[in-house]
N, C-alpha and C. Protein backbone atom coordinates (compact mmCIF):
# COMPACT_ATOMS: atom_id res chain seq x y z
N MET A 1 -9.43 -9.36 -12.53
CA MET A 1 -8.81 -9.35 -11.20
C MET A 1 -8.27 -7.96 -10.86
N GLN A 2 -7.71 -7.28 -11.87
CA GLN A 2 -7.14 -5.96 -11.64
C GLN A 2 -8.20 -4.99 -11.11
N HIS A 3 -9.42 -5.10 -11.64
CA HIS A 3 -10.50 -4.22 -11.21
C HIS A 3 -10.83 -4.46 -9.74
N LEU A 4 -10.93 -5.72 -9.34
CA LEU A 4 -11.23 -6.04 -7.95
C LEU A 4 -10.10 -5.60 -7.03
N ARG A 5 -8.85 -5.84 -7.47
CA ARG A 5 -7.70 -5.45 -6.65
C ARG A 5 -7.70 -3.95 -6.41
N GLN A 6 -7.96 -3.18 -7.46
CA GLN A 6 -7.96 -1.73 -7.32
C GLN A 6 -9.07 -1.27 -6.40
N GLN A 7 -10.23 -1.90 -6.48
CA GLN A 7 -11.34 -1.53 -5.60
C GLN A 7 -11.00 -1.81 -4.14
N ILE A 8 -10.27 -2.90 -3.90
CA ILE A 8 -9.86 -3.21 -2.53
C ILE A 8 -8.86 -2.18 -2.03
N TYR A 9 -7.86 -1.85 -2.86
CA TYR A 9 -6.86 -0.87 -2.45
C TYR A 9 -7.48 0.50 -2.21
N GLU A 10 -8.46 0.87 -3.03
CA GLU A 10 -9.07 2.19 -2.90
C GLU A 10 -10.10 2.24 -1.78
N GLY A 11 -10.47 1.08 -1.24
CA GLY A 11 -11.45 1.05 -0.16
C GLY A 11 -12.88 0.95 -0.63
N ALA A 12 -13.10 0.86 -1.97
CA ALA A 12 -14.46 0.70 -2.47
C ALA A 12 -15.05 -0.63 -2.01
N LEU A 13 -14.18 -1.63 -1.90
CA LEU A 13 -14.56 -2.91 -1.29
C LEU A 13 -13.93 -2.92 0.10
N ALA A 14 -14.72 -2.64 1.09
CA ALA A 14 -14.21 -2.42 2.44
C ALA A 14 -13.71 -3.71 3.08
N PRO A 15 -12.72 -3.60 3.98
CA PRO A 15 -12.24 -4.77 4.73
C PRO A 15 -13.39 -5.47 5.44
N GLY A 16 -13.42 -6.80 5.33
CA GLY A 16 -14.46 -7.57 5.98
C GLY A 16 -15.69 -7.79 5.12
N ARG A 17 -15.78 -7.12 3.99
CA ARG A 17 -16.96 -7.27 3.13
C ARG A 17 -16.97 -8.63 2.46
N ARG A 18 -18.15 -9.24 2.42
CA ARG A 18 -18.30 -10.53 1.75
C ARG A 18 -18.45 -10.30 0.25
N LEU A 19 -17.71 -11.08 -0.56
CA LEU A 19 -17.77 -10.97 -2.01
C LEU A 19 -18.55 -12.15 -2.56
N ASP A 20 -19.75 -11.89 -3.02
CA ASP A 20 -20.58 -12.93 -3.59
C ASP A 20 -20.23 -13.09 -5.07
N GLU A 21 -19.90 -14.31 -5.49
CA GLU A 21 -19.49 -14.56 -6.87
C GLU A 21 -20.54 -14.11 -7.87
N ASN A 22 -21.80 -14.40 -7.59
CA ASN A 22 -22.88 -14.04 -8.52
C ASN A 22 -23.00 -12.52 -8.66
N GLU A 23 -22.91 -11.80 -7.52
CA GLU A 23 -23.03 -10.35 -7.56
C GLU A 23 -21.86 -9.72 -8.30
N VAL A 24 -20.65 -10.22 -8.03
CA VAL A 24 -19.47 -9.68 -8.69
C VAL A 24 -19.53 -9.94 -10.19
N ALA A 25 -19.93 -11.16 -10.56
CA ALA A 25 -20.03 -11.52 -11.97
C ALA A 25 -21.05 -10.63 -12.68
N ALA A 26 -22.19 -10.40 -12.04
CA ALA A 26 -23.23 -9.56 -12.64
C ALA A 26 -22.76 -8.12 -12.80
N ALA A 27 -22.04 -7.62 -11.78
CA ALA A 27 -21.56 -6.24 -11.82
C ALA A 27 -20.53 -6.04 -12.93
N LEU A 28 -19.72 -7.08 -13.16
CA LEU A 28 -18.66 -6.97 -14.19
C LEU A 28 -19.13 -7.44 -15.55
N GLY A 29 -20.30 -8.07 -15.60
CA GLY A 29 -20.82 -8.55 -16.88
C GLY A 29 -20.06 -9.75 -17.42
N VAL A 30 -19.61 -10.63 -16.51
CA VAL A 30 -18.88 -11.83 -16.91
C VAL A 30 -19.51 -13.05 -16.23
N SER A 31 -19.02 -14.23 -16.59
CA SER A 31 -19.51 -15.45 -15.95
C SER A 31 -18.83 -15.65 -14.59
N ARG A 32 -19.30 -16.62 -13.84
CA ARG A 32 -18.72 -16.87 -12.52
C ARG A 32 -17.32 -17.46 -12.60
N THR A 33 -16.99 -18.14 -13.70
CA THR A 33 -15.69 -18.82 -13.79
C THR A 33 -14.51 -17.86 -13.66
N PRO A 34 -14.43 -16.77 -14.46
CA PRO A 34 -13.30 -15.85 -14.28
C PRO A 34 -13.31 -15.15 -12.93
N VAL A 35 -14.50 -14.92 -12.37
CA VAL A 35 -14.59 -14.30 -11.05
C VAL A 35 -14.01 -15.24 -10.00
N ARG A 36 -14.37 -16.52 -10.10
CA ARG A 36 -13.86 -17.50 -9.13
C ARG A 36 -12.33 -17.57 -9.20
N GLU A 37 -11.79 -17.56 -10.41
CA GLU A 37 -10.33 -17.62 -10.58
C GLU A 37 -9.68 -16.35 -10.04
N ALA A 38 -10.30 -15.20 -10.29
CA ALA A 38 -9.76 -13.93 -9.79
C ALA A 38 -9.73 -13.92 -8.27
N LEU A 39 -10.78 -14.42 -7.64
CA LEU A 39 -10.83 -14.45 -6.18
C LEU A 39 -9.76 -15.39 -5.62
N ARG A 40 -9.50 -16.49 -6.32
CA ARG A 40 -8.44 -17.40 -5.88
C ARG A 40 -7.08 -16.71 -5.94
N GLN A 41 -6.85 -15.95 -7.01
CA GLN A 41 -5.58 -15.24 -7.14
C GLN A 41 -5.44 -14.16 -6.08
N LEU A 42 -6.52 -13.45 -5.81
CA LEU A 42 -6.50 -12.42 -4.77
C LEU A 42 -6.27 -13.04 -3.39
N ALA A 43 -6.80 -14.24 -3.18
CA ALA A 43 -6.58 -14.95 -1.92
C ALA A 43 -5.11 -15.32 -1.79
N ALA A 44 -4.49 -15.75 -2.89
CA ALA A 44 -3.07 -16.10 -2.88
C ALA A 44 -2.21 -14.88 -2.57
N GLN A 45 -2.72 -13.69 -2.91
CA GLN A 45 -1.99 -12.45 -2.65
C GLN A 45 -2.32 -11.85 -1.28
N GLY A 46 -3.22 -12.51 -0.55
CA GLY A 46 -3.55 -12.04 0.79
C GLY A 46 -4.56 -10.90 0.84
N LEU A 47 -5.19 -10.60 -0.29
CA LEU A 47 -6.14 -9.49 -0.32
C LEU A 47 -7.56 -9.92 0.04
N VAL A 48 -7.88 -11.20 -0.15
CA VAL A 48 -9.17 -11.72 0.28
C VAL A 48 -8.93 -13.04 1.02
N GLU A 49 -9.94 -13.44 1.78
CA GLU A 49 -9.87 -14.71 2.51
C GLU A 49 -11.05 -15.57 2.09
N ILE A 50 -10.78 -16.81 1.71
CA ILE A 50 -11.84 -17.75 1.35
C ILE A 50 -12.06 -18.67 2.54
N ARG A 51 -13.23 -18.57 3.15
CA ARG A 51 -13.54 -19.32 4.36
C ARG A 51 -14.50 -20.46 4.02
N ALA A 52 -14.16 -21.64 4.47
CA ALA A 52 -14.96 -22.83 4.17
C ALA A 52 -16.40 -22.64 4.63
N ARG A 53 -17.33 -22.91 3.71
CA ARG A 53 -18.77 -22.87 3.95
C ARG A 53 -19.29 -21.48 4.35
N ARG A 54 -18.44 -20.48 4.22
CA ARG A 54 -18.88 -19.12 4.56
C ARG A 54 -18.75 -18.15 3.39
N GLY A 55 -17.80 -18.41 2.51
CA GLY A 55 -17.65 -17.53 1.36
C GLY A 55 -16.32 -16.82 1.33
N CYS A 56 -16.27 -15.76 0.51
CA CYS A 56 -15.04 -14.99 0.31
C CYS A 56 -15.20 -13.59 0.90
N PHE A 57 -14.19 -13.14 1.63
CA PHE A 57 -14.26 -11.84 2.31
C PHE A 57 -12.99 -11.04 2.04
N VAL A 58 -13.14 -9.72 1.92
CA VAL A 58 -11.98 -8.83 1.79
C VAL A 58 -11.19 -8.91 3.09
N THR A 59 -9.88 -9.09 2.96
CA THR A 59 -9.03 -9.23 4.14
C THR A 59 -9.17 -8.03 5.06
N GLU A 60 -9.33 -8.32 6.32
CA GLU A 60 -9.50 -7.28 7.33
C GLU A 60 -8.31 -7.32 8.28
N LEU A 61 -7.38 -6.39 8.11
CA LEU A 61 -6.21 -6.32 8.97
C LEU A 61 -6.46 -5.30 10.08
N THR A 62 -6.03 -5.63 11.26
CA THR A 62 -6.30 -4.79 12.42
C THR A 62 -5.27 -3.67 12.55
N LEU A 63 -5.54 -2.77 13.47
CA LEU A 63 -4.59 -1.70 13.77
C LEU A 63 -3.27 -2.29 14.26
N GLN A 64 -3.35 -3.37 15.02
CA GLN A 64 -2.12 -4.02 15.50
C GLN A 64 -1.35 -4.63 14.33
N ASP A 65 -2.07 -5.15 13.33
CA ASP A 65 -1.40 -5.67 12.13
C ASP A 65 -0.57 -4.58 11.48
N GLN A 66 -1.13 -3.38 11.39
CA GLN A 66 -0.40 -2.26 10.80
C GLN A 66 0.86 -1.96 11.61
N LYS A 67 0.71 -1.94 12.93
CA LYS A 67 1.85 -1.64 13.80
C LYS A 67 2.92 -2.72 13.70
N ASP A 68 2.50 -3.94 13.39
CA ASP A 68 3.46 -5.04 13.28
C ASP A 68 4.17 -5.04 11.93
N ILE A 69 3.42 -4.74 10.86
CA ILE A 69 3.97 -4.88 9.50
C ILE A 69 4.91 -3.74 9.14
N PHE A 70 4.54 -2.51 9.45
CA PHE A 70 5.33 -1.37 8.99
C PHE A 70 6.78 -1.36 9.50
N PRO A 71 7.03 -1.68 10.78
CA PRO A 71 8.43 -1.71 11.22
C PRO A 71 9.26 -2.77 10.48
N ILE A 72 8.64 -3.91 10.15
CA ILE A 72 9.35 -4.94 9.39
C ILE A 72 9.69 -4.42 8.00
N MET A 73 8.70 -3.80 7.36
CA MET A 73 8.93 -3.23 6.04
C MET A 73 10.00 -2.14 6.11
N ALA A 74 9.98 -1.34 7.15
CA ALA A 74 10.95 -0.26 7.28
C ALA A 74 12.37 -0.82 7.37
N ARG A 75 12.54 -1.91 8.11
CA ARG A 75 13.86 -2.54 8.23
C ARG A 75 14.32 -3.11 6.90
N LEU A 76 13.44 -3.85 6.24
CA LEU A 76 13.81 -4.52 4.99
C LEU A 76 14.05 -3.50 3.87
N GLU A 77 13.13 -2.54 3.72
CA GLU A 77 13.31 -1.56 2.66
C GLU A 77 14.47 -0.63 2.97
N GLY A 78 14.75 -0.41 4.24
CA GLY A 78 15.92 0.37 4.61
C GLY A 78 17.20 -0.32 4.16
N TRP A 79 17.25 -1.64 4.37
CA TRP A 79 18.43 -2.41 3.94
C TRP A 79 18.55 -2.37 2.42
N VAL A 80 17.41 -2.45 1.72
CA VAL A 80 17.41 -2.36 0.25
C VAL A 80 18.03 -1.04 -0.19
N ALA A 81 17.58 0.06 0.41
CA ALA A 81 18.10 1.38 0.05
C ALA A 81 19.60 1.46 0.30
N HIS A 82 20.05 0.88 1.40
CA HIS A 82 21.48 0.86 1.72
C HIS A 82 22.27 0.13 0.63
N GLU A 83 21.78 -1.04 0.22
CA GLU A 83 22.48 -1.84 -0.78
C GLU A 83 22.50 -1.14 -2.14
N VAL A 84 21.40 -0.51 -2.51
CA VAL A 84 21.34 0.19 -3.79
C VAL A 84 22.32 1.37 -3.79
N ALA A 85 22.35 2.11 -2.70
CA ALA A 85 23.27 3.25 -2.61
C ALA A 85 24.72 2.79 -2.75
N GLU A 86 25.03 1.64 -2.20
CA GLU A 86 26.41 1.16 -2.19
C GLU A 86 26.80 0.49 -3.51
N HIS A 87 25.85 -0.14 -4.21
CA HIS A 87 26.24 -1.02 -5.31
C HIS A 87 25.58 -0.75 -6.66
N ALA A 88 24.55 0.08 -6.74
CA ALA A 88 23.87 0.30 -8.02
C ALA A 88 24.79 0.99 -9.02
N THR A 89 24.60 0.68 -10.29
CA THR A 89 25.38 1.33 -11.34
C THR A 89 24.76 2.68 -11.67
N LYS A 90 25.49 3.49 -12.41
CA LYS A 90 24.98 4.80 -12.83
C LYS A 90 23.72 4.62 -13.66
N GLU A 91 23.71 3.63 -14.55
CA GLU A 91 22.55 3.38 -15.39
C GLU A 91 21.33 3.01 -14.56
N GLU A 92 21.53 2.23 -13.50
CA GLU A 92 20.43 1.84 -12.63
C GLU A 92 19.89 3.04 -11.86
N LEU A 93 20.77 3.91 -11.41
CA LEU A 93 20.32 5.11 -10.72
C LEU A 93 19.60 6.06 -11.68
N ASP A 94 20.06 6.10 -12.92
CA ASP A 94 19.37 6.92 -13.92
C ASP A 94 17.93 6.43 -14.12
N ARG A 95 17.76 5.12 -14.11
CA ARG A 95 16.42 4.54 -14.26
C ARG A 95 15.55 4.90 -13.07
N LEU A 96 16.12 4.88 -11.87
CA LEU A 96 15.36 5.28 -10.68
C LEU A 96 14.97 6.75 -10.76
N ASP A 97 15.86 7.55 -11.34
CA ASP A 97 15.55 8.97 -11.53
C ASP A 97 14.31 9.13 -12.41
N GLU A 98 14.20 8.30 -13.44
CA GLU A 98 13.05 8.36 -14.34
C GLU A 98 11.76 7.99 -13.60
N LEU A 99 11.85 6.95 -12.78
CA LEU A 99 10.68 6.54 -12.00
C LEU A 99 10.31 7.60 -10.97
N HIS A 100 11.34 8.23 -10.40
CA HIS A 100 11.08 9.29 -9.43
C HIS A 100 10.44 10.50 -10.10
N ALA A 101 10.82 10.76 -11.35
CA ALA A 101 10.21 11.87 -12.09
C ALA A 101 8.71 11.64 -12.27
N ALA A 102 8.31 10.38 -12.45
CA ALA A 102 6.88 10.06 -12.55
C ALA A 102 6.18 10.37 -11.24
N LEU A 103 6.85 10.09 -10.13
CA LEU A 103 6.30 10.43 -8.82
C LEU A 103 6.11 11.94 -8.69
N GLU A 104 7.12 12.68 -9.12
CA GLU A 104 7.06 14.14 -9.04
C GLU A 104 5.86 14.68 -9.82
N ARG A 105 5.62 14.12 -11.01
CA ARG A 105 4.50 14.59 -11.83
C ARG A 105 3.17 14.35 -11.14
N GLN A 106 3.00 13.17 -10.54
CA GLN A 106 1.73 12.85 -9.89
C GLN A 106 1.55 13.64 -8.60
N ALA A 107 2.66 13.91 -7.91
CA ALA A 107 2.58 14.74 -6.70
C ALA A 107 2.16 16.15 -7.06
N ALA A 108 2.74 16.68 -8.16
CA ALA A 108 2.40 18.04 -8.60
C ALA A 108 0.93 18.12 -9.01
N ALA A 109 0.42 17.02 -9.57
CA ALA A 109 -0.98 16.98 -9.99
C ALA A 109 -1.93 16.65 -8.84
N ALA A 110 -1.34 16.32 -7.68
CA ALA A 110 -2.14 15.94 -6.49
C ALA A 110 -3.07 14.78 -6.80
N ASN A 111 -2.58 13.85 -7.62
CA ASN A 111 -3.36 12.66 -7.98
C ASN A 111 -2.92 11.51 -7.08
N VAL A 112 -3.68 11.27 -6.03
CA VAL A 112 -3.29 10.28 -5.02
C VAL A 112 -3.22 8.88 -5.60
N ASP A 113 -4.20 8.50 -6.41
CA ASP A 113 -4.24 7.14 -6.95
C ASP A 113 -3.04 6.88 -7.86
N ARG A 114 -2.75 7.81 -8.75
CA ARG A 114 -1.62 7.62 -9.66
C ARG A 114 -0.28 7.76 -8.93
N TYR A 115 -0.26 8.60 -7.91
CA TYR A 115 0.96 8.71 -7.11
C TYR A 115 1.25 7.38 -6.42
N TRP A 116 0.19 6.78 -5.87
CA TRP A 116 0.36 5.48 -5.21
C TRP A 116 0.87 4.43 -6.18
N ALA A 117 0.31 4.40 -7.40
CA ALA A 117 0.74 3.43 -8.40
C ALA A 117 2.20 3.65 -8.79
N ALA A 118 2.59 4.91 -9.00
CA ALA A 118 3.97 5.22 -9.36
C ALA A 118 4.92 4.90 -8.20
N ASN A 119 4.45 5.10 -6.99
CA ASN A 119 5.25 4.79 -5.80
C ASN A 119 5.49 3.28 -5.70
N HIS A 120 4.46 2.51 -6.02
CA HIS A 120 4.59 1.04 -6.00
C HIS A 120 5.65 0.58 -7.01
N VAL A 121 5.62 1.17 -8.20
CA VAL A 121 6.59 0.82 -9.23
C VAL A 121 8.00 1.18 -8.78
N PHE A 122 8.15 2.35 -8.16
CA PHE A 122 9.46 2.79 -7.70
C PHE A 122 10.04 1.85 -6.65
N HIS A 123 9.25 1.53 -5.64
CA HIS A 123 9.74 0.67 -4.55
C HIS A 123 10.05 -0.74 -5.06
N THR A 124 9.23 -1.23 -5.97
CA THR A 124 9.49 -2.56 -6.53
C THR A 124 10.79 -2.56 -7.33
N ALA A 125 11.00 -1.52 -8.14
CA ALA A 125 12.23 -1.42 -8.93
C ALA A 125 13.45 -1.34 -8.01
N LEU A 126 13.31 -0.64 -6.91
CA LEU A 126 14.41 -0.50 -5.96
C LEU A 126 14.81 -1.85 -5.39
N GLN A 127 13.83 -2.65 -4.97
CA GLN A 127 14.13 -3.95 -4.39
C GLN A 127 14.68 -4.91 -5.44
N ASP A 128 14.24 -4.77 -6.70
CA ASP A 128 14.73 -5.64 -7.75
C ASP A 128 16.22 -5.44 -8.01
N LEU A 129 16.72 -4.23 -7.76
CA LEU A 129 18.13 -3.95 -8.01
C LEU A 129 19.05 -4.73 -7.08
N VAL A 130 18.53 -5.14 -5.92
CA VAL A 130 19.36 -5.89 -4.97
C VAL A 130 19.64 -7.29 -5.49
N GLY A 131 18.69 -7.87 -6.24
CA GLY A 131 18.91 -9.18 -6.85
C GLY A 131 18.84 -10.34 -5.88
N ASN A 132 18.17 -10.15 -4.74
CA ASN A 132 18.02 -11.20 -3.74
C ASN A 132 16.61 -11.76 -3.86
N ARG A 133 16.46 -12.95 -4.40
CA ARG A 133 15.13 -13.50 -4.68
C ARG A 133 14.32 -13.73 -3.41
N LEU A 134 14.96 -14.19 -2.34
CA LEU A 134 14.24 -14.41 -1.09
C LEU A 134 13.73 -13.08 -0.55
N LEU A 135 14.57 -12.07 -0.59
CA LEU A 135 14.16 -10.75 -0.12
C LEU A 135 13.02 -10.21 -0.98
N GLN A 136 13.10 -10.40 -2.29
CA GLN A 136 12.04 -9.95 -3.18
C GLN A 136 10.72 -10.62 -2.84
N HIS A 137 10.77 -11.91 -2.55
CA HIS A 137 9.55 -12.64 -2.20
C HIS A 137 8.96 -12.11 -0.89
N LEU A 138 9.80 -11.92 0.12
CA LEU A 138 9.32 -11.43 1.41
C LEU A 138 8.69 -10.05 1.28
N LEU A 139 9.40 -9.17 0.57
CA LEU A 139 8.89 -7.80 0.42
C LEU A 139 7.61 -7.77 -0.41
N SER A 140 7.56 -8.60 -1.43
CA SER A 140 6.36 -8.63 -2.27
C SER A 140 5.14 -9.07 -1.46
N GLU A 141 5.33 -10.09 -0.61
CA GLU A 141 4.23 -10.57 0.21
C GLU A 141 3.78 -9.50 1.21
N LEU A 142 4.74 -8.85 1.84
CA LEU A 142 4.40 -7.80 2.80
C LEU A 142 3.78 -6.60 2.10
N ARG A 143 4.28 -6.29 0.90
CA ARG A 143 3.76 -5.13 0.18
C ARG A 143 2.31 -5.34 -0.23
N ARG A 144 1.96 -6.58 -0.54
CA ARG A 144 0.55 -6.84 -0.87
C ARG A 144 -0.35 -6.53 0.32
N LYS A 145 0.12 -6.90 1.51
CA LYS A 145 -0.68 -6.62 2.70
C LYS A 145 -0.67 -5.13 3.03
N ILE A 146 0.50 -4.54 2.95
CA ILE A 146 0.62 -3.14 3.32
C ILE A 146 -0.10 -2.24 2.32
N GLY A 147 -0.31 -2.77 1.10
CA GLY A 147 -1.04 -2.01 0.10
C GLY A 147 -2.45 -1.69 0.53
N LEU A 148 -3.01 -2.50 1.43
CA LEU A 148 -4.34 -2.24 1.95
C LEU A 148 -4.37 -0.94 2.76
N PHE A 149 -3.18 -0.54 3.28
CA PHE A 149 -3.10 0.66 4.11
C PHE A 149 -2.36 1.79 3.41
N ARG A 150 -1.35 1.43 2.60
CA ARG A 150 -0.41 2.43 2.09
C ARG A 150 -1.11 3.52 1.30
N GLN A 151 -2.04 3.13 0.43
CA GLN A 151 -2.73 4.13 -0.35
C GLN A 151 -3.59 5.01 0.55
N ARG A 152 -4.17 4.40 1.58
CA ARG A 152 -5.01 5.17 2.50
C ARG A 152 -4.20 6.24 3.22
N SER A 153 -2.94 5.93 3.55
CA SER A 153 -2.10 6.88 4.27
C SER A 153 -1.86 8.15 3.46
N LEU A 154 -1.87 8.03 2.12
CA LEU A 154 -1.63 9.19 1.26
C LEU A 154 -2.78 10.18 1.30
N ARG A 155 -3.93 9.76 1.84
CA ARG A 155 -5.08 10.65 1.91
C ARG A 155 -5.05 11.50 3.19
N PHE A 156 -4.06 11.27 4.04
CA PHE A 156 -3.91 12.13 5.21
C PHE A 156 -3.44 13.50 4.73
N PRO A 157 -4.05 14.59 5.19
CA PRO A 157 -3.70 15.93 4.70
C PRO A 157 -2.19 16.21 4.73
N GLY A 158 -1.65 16.56 3.58
CA GLY A 158 -0.23 16.90 3.49
C GLY A 158 0.69 15.73 3.32
N ARG A 159 0.16 14.49 3.35
CA ARG A 159 1.03 13.31 3.30
C ARG A 159 1.74 13.17 1.96
N VAL A 160 1.06 13.48 0.84
CA VAL A 160 1.71 13.36 -0.47
C VAL A 160 2.90 14.31 -0.55
N ASP A 161 2.73 15.53 -0.06
CA ASP A 161 3.83 16.50 -0.09
C ASP A 161 5.01 16.02 0.74
N ARG A 162 4.72 15.46 1.90
CA ARG A 162 5.82 14.95 2.74
C ARG A 162 6.45 13.71 2.13
N SER A 163 5.62 12.87 1.51
CA SER A 163 6.12 11.65 0.89
C SER A 163 7.10 11.97 -0.23
N ILE A 164 6.75 12.93 -1.11
CA ILE A 164 7.64 13.25 -2.23
C ILE A 164 8.91 13.91 -1.72
N ALA A 165 8.82 14.66 -0.63
CA ALA A 165 10.02 15.26 -0.03
C ALA A 165 10.95 14.17 0.50
N GLU A 166 10.37 13.13 1.08
CA GLU A 166 11.16 12.00 1.57
C GLU A 166 11.82 11.27 0.41
N HIS A 167 11.10 11.15 -0.70
CA HIS A 167 11.67 10.50 -1.87
C HIS A 167 12.84 11.32 -2.44
N ARG A 168 12.70 12.63 -2.42
CA ARG A 168 13.80 13.48 -2.90
C ARG A 168 15.04 13.28 -2.04
N ALA A 169 14.83 13.20 -0.72
CA ALA A 169 15.96 12.97 0.18
C ALA A 169 16.59 11.60 -0.07
N LEU A 170 15.76 10.61 -0.39
CA LEU A 170 16.28 9.28 -0.69
C LEU A 170 17.12 9.30 -1.96
N MET A 171 16.62 9.93 -3.02
CA MET A 171 17.37 9.99 -4.27
C MET A 171 18.69 10.73 -4.08
N LYS A 172 18.68 11.76 -3.25
CA LYS A 172 19.91 12.50 -2.97
C LYS A 172 20.94 11.60 -2.30
N ALA A 173 20.46 10.77 -1.33
CA ALA A 173 21.36 9.86 -0.63
C ALA A 173 21.87 8.77 -1.57
N LEU A 174 21.01 8.27 -2.44
CA LEU A 174 21.43 7.24 -3.39
C LEU A 174 22.50 7.79 -4.34
N ARG A 175 22.29 8.99 -4.84
CA ARG A 175 23.24 9.61 -5.76
C ARG A 175 24.58 9.89 -5.07
N ALA A 176 24.51 10.19 -3.78
CA ALA A 176 25.73 10.47 -3.02
C ALA A 176 26.44 9.18 -2.57
N ARG A 177 25.85 8.03 -2.88
CA ARG A 177 26.39 6.74 -2.48
C ARG A 177 26.52 6.63 -0.96
N ASP A 178 25.57 7.27 -0.27
CA ASP A 178 25.57 7.28 1.19
C ASP A 178 24.58 6.22 1.68
N GLY A 179 25.08 5.00 1.88
CA GLY A 179 24.21 3.89 2.27
C GLY A 179 23.52 4.10 3.60
N ALA A 180 24.24 4.62 4.58
CA ALA A 180 23.66 4.82 5.91
C ALA A 180 22.53 5.84 5.86
N ARG A 181 22.76 6.92 5.11
CA ARG A 181 21.73 7.95 5.00
C ARG A 181 20.52 7.43 4.24
N ALA A 182 20.74 6.70 3.14
CA ALA A 182 19.64 6.15 2.36
C ALA A 182 18.79 5.23 3.21
N GLU A 183 19.44 4.40 4.03
CA GLU A 183 18.71 3.48 4.90
C GLU A 183 17.87 4.23 5.91
N ALA A 184 18.45 5.27 6.52
CA ALA A 184 17.73 6.04 7.53
C ALA A 184 16.53 6.75 6.92
N VAL A 185 16.70 7.32 5.73
CA VAL A 185 15.61 8.03 5.07
C VAL A 185 14.47 7.07 4.74
N MET A 186 14.83 5.88 4.23
CA MET A 186 13.80 4.92 3.86
C MET A 186 13.03 4.43 5.09
N ARG A 187 13.73 4.17 6.17
CA ARG A 187 13.03 3.73 7.39
C ARG A 187 12.06 4.80 7.86
N GLU A 188 12.53 6.04 7.85
CA GLU A 188 11.66 7.14 8.29
C GLU A 188 10.46 7.27 7.36
N HIS A 189 10.69 7.08 6.06
CA HIS A 189 9.62 7.16 5.06
C HIS A 189 8.51 6.16 5.39
N LEU A 190 8.87 4.92 5.69
CA LEU A 190 7.87 3.89 6.01
C LEU A 190 7.16 4.19 7.33
N MET A 191 7.92 4.60 8.33
CA MET A 191 7.30 4.85 9.63
C MET A 191 6.41 6.09 9.61
N ASN A 192 6.72 7.04 8.73
CA ASN A 192 5.84 8.19 8.60
C ASN A 192 4.51 7.80 7.98
N GLN A 193 4.53 6.78 7.13
CA GLN A 193 3.27 6.27 6.58
C GLN A 193 2.41 5.66 7.69
N LEU A 194 3.06 4.92 8.56
CA LEU A 194 2.33 4.35 9.70
C LEU A 194 1.75 5.46 10.57
N ASP A 195 2.54 6.49 10.80
CA ASP A 195 2.07 7.60 11.62
C ASP A 195 0.83 8.25 11.00
N ALA A 196 0.84 8.40 9.66
CA ALA A 196 -0.32 8.99 8.99
C ALA A 196 -1.56 8.11 9.17
N LEU A 197 -1.37 6.80 9.07
CA LEU A 197 -2.49 5.88 9.25
C LEU A 197 -3.03 5.94 10.68
N LEU A 198 -2.15 6.00 11.66
CA LEU A 198 -2.59 6.06 13.05
C LEU A 198 -3.35 7.36 13.32
N ARG A 199 -2.90 8.45 12.69
CA ARG A 199 -3.62 9.71 12.86
C ARG A 199 -5.00 9.65 12.22
N LEU A 200 -5.08 9.02 11.05
CA LEU A 200 -6.39 8.85 10.42
C LEU A 200 -7.31 8.04 11.31
N GLU A 201 -6.75 7.01 11.93
CA GLU A 201 -7.54 6.17 12.84
C GLU A 201 -8.04 6.98 14.03
N ARG A 202 -7.15 7.78 14.60
CA ARG A 202 -7.55 8.60 15.75
C ARG A 202 -8.60 9.63 15.36
N ASP A 203 -8.44 10.22 14.17
CA ASP A 203 -9.42 11.21 13.71
C ASP A 203 -10.79 10.56 13.51
N ALA A 204 -10.78 9.33 12.96
CA ALA A 204 -12.04 8.62 12.74
C ALA A 204 -12.74 8.32 14.07
N GLU A 205 -11.94 7.93 15.06
CA GLU A 205 -12.51 7.60 16.37
C GLU A 205 -13.05 8.84 17.07
N ALA A 206 -12.45 10.00 16.76
CA ALA A 206 -12.86 11.24 17.41
C ALA A 206 -14.14 11.81 16.83
N GLN A 207 -14.53 11.32 15.65
CA GLN A 207 -15.75 11.82 15.03
C GLN A 207 -16.96 11.40 15.86
N PRO A 208 -17.86 12.33 16.11
CA PRO A 208 -19.06 11.98 16.89
C PRO A 208 -19.93 10.97 16.14
N ARG A 209 -20.38 9.98 16.86
CA ARG A 209 -21.24 8.97 16.25
C ARG A 209 -22.68 9.44 16.24
N PRO A 210 -23.39 9.15 15.15
CA PRO A 210 -24.81 9.60 15.08
C PRO A 210 -25.63 8.95 16.19
N ARG A 211 -26.48 9.75 16.79
CA ARG A 211 -27.31 9.23 17.86
C ARG A 211 -28.48 8.43 17.29
N ARG A 212 -28.82 7.40 18.00
CA ARG A 212 -29.97 6.60 17.58
C ARG A 212 -31.25 7.33 17.98
N ARG A 213 -32.17 7.33 17.03
CA ARG A 213 -33.44 7.97 17.33
C ARG A 213 -34.28 7.06 18.24
N ARG A 214 -34.77 7.66 19.28
CA ARG A 214 -35.62 6.89 20.21
C ARG A 214 -37.02 6.79 19.63
N SER A 215 -37.55 5.62 19.73
CA SER A 215 -38.92 5.44 19.24
C SER A 215 -39.90 6.12 20.19
N SER A 216 -40.91 6.72 19.60
CA SER A 216 -41.89 7.43 20.41
C SER A 216 -42.73 6.43 21.21
N PRO A 217 -43.02 6.76 22.46
CA PRO A 217 -43.84 5.84 23.26
C PRO A 217 -45.23 5.68 22.68
N ARG A 218 -45.73 4.48 22.78
CA ARG A 218 -47.08 4.23 22.26
C ARG A 218 -48.10 4.88 23.18
N PRO A 219 -49.16 5.40 22.58
CA PRO A 219 -50.22 6.04 23.41
C PRO A 219 -50.94 5.01 24.25
């Protein structure tokens, strides 16, 4: 399942693509049974859709979905940052520093995939510190969906550099116990990701489409 999930996040399995159990099983060198179970788990996570009598498809979220999800995430993660700044212990902040150091290393290496993975660990650890199970569930569900876009946003030119700068500002606010500042930085961090995605979308639309070759008239 991890292999399929990573392919979806990286875009190797494009949104809307049909996943044939036999083809996936053959590609992975396994039987259909583990593939079927993996697809069920991915469906539960919102990464694929199983449609009756039609098959399994990679979830296809629209541009409007992105515009709808990111502001919600920005509000929720902003509140998380506020609570951590106000209530986290020194030991908990030290642990966040360690996770942030992993982000710094991947940013310096310009490794987008590993930066995304380290970023996921950091944000998850941050929400876990709040200790609100309902909030954790909501954020986890939204993060699974946003993961379809979040990694893609890091491929916008300069986005990794800006992202790590935003993380540095967040850590500074957390260390200063400035809840309002931490919340504002986190909200901006999420909305900047949306902005990067929208710019990628506009750039893609601006690319000239290949012209269709006209068939030569018959003699």
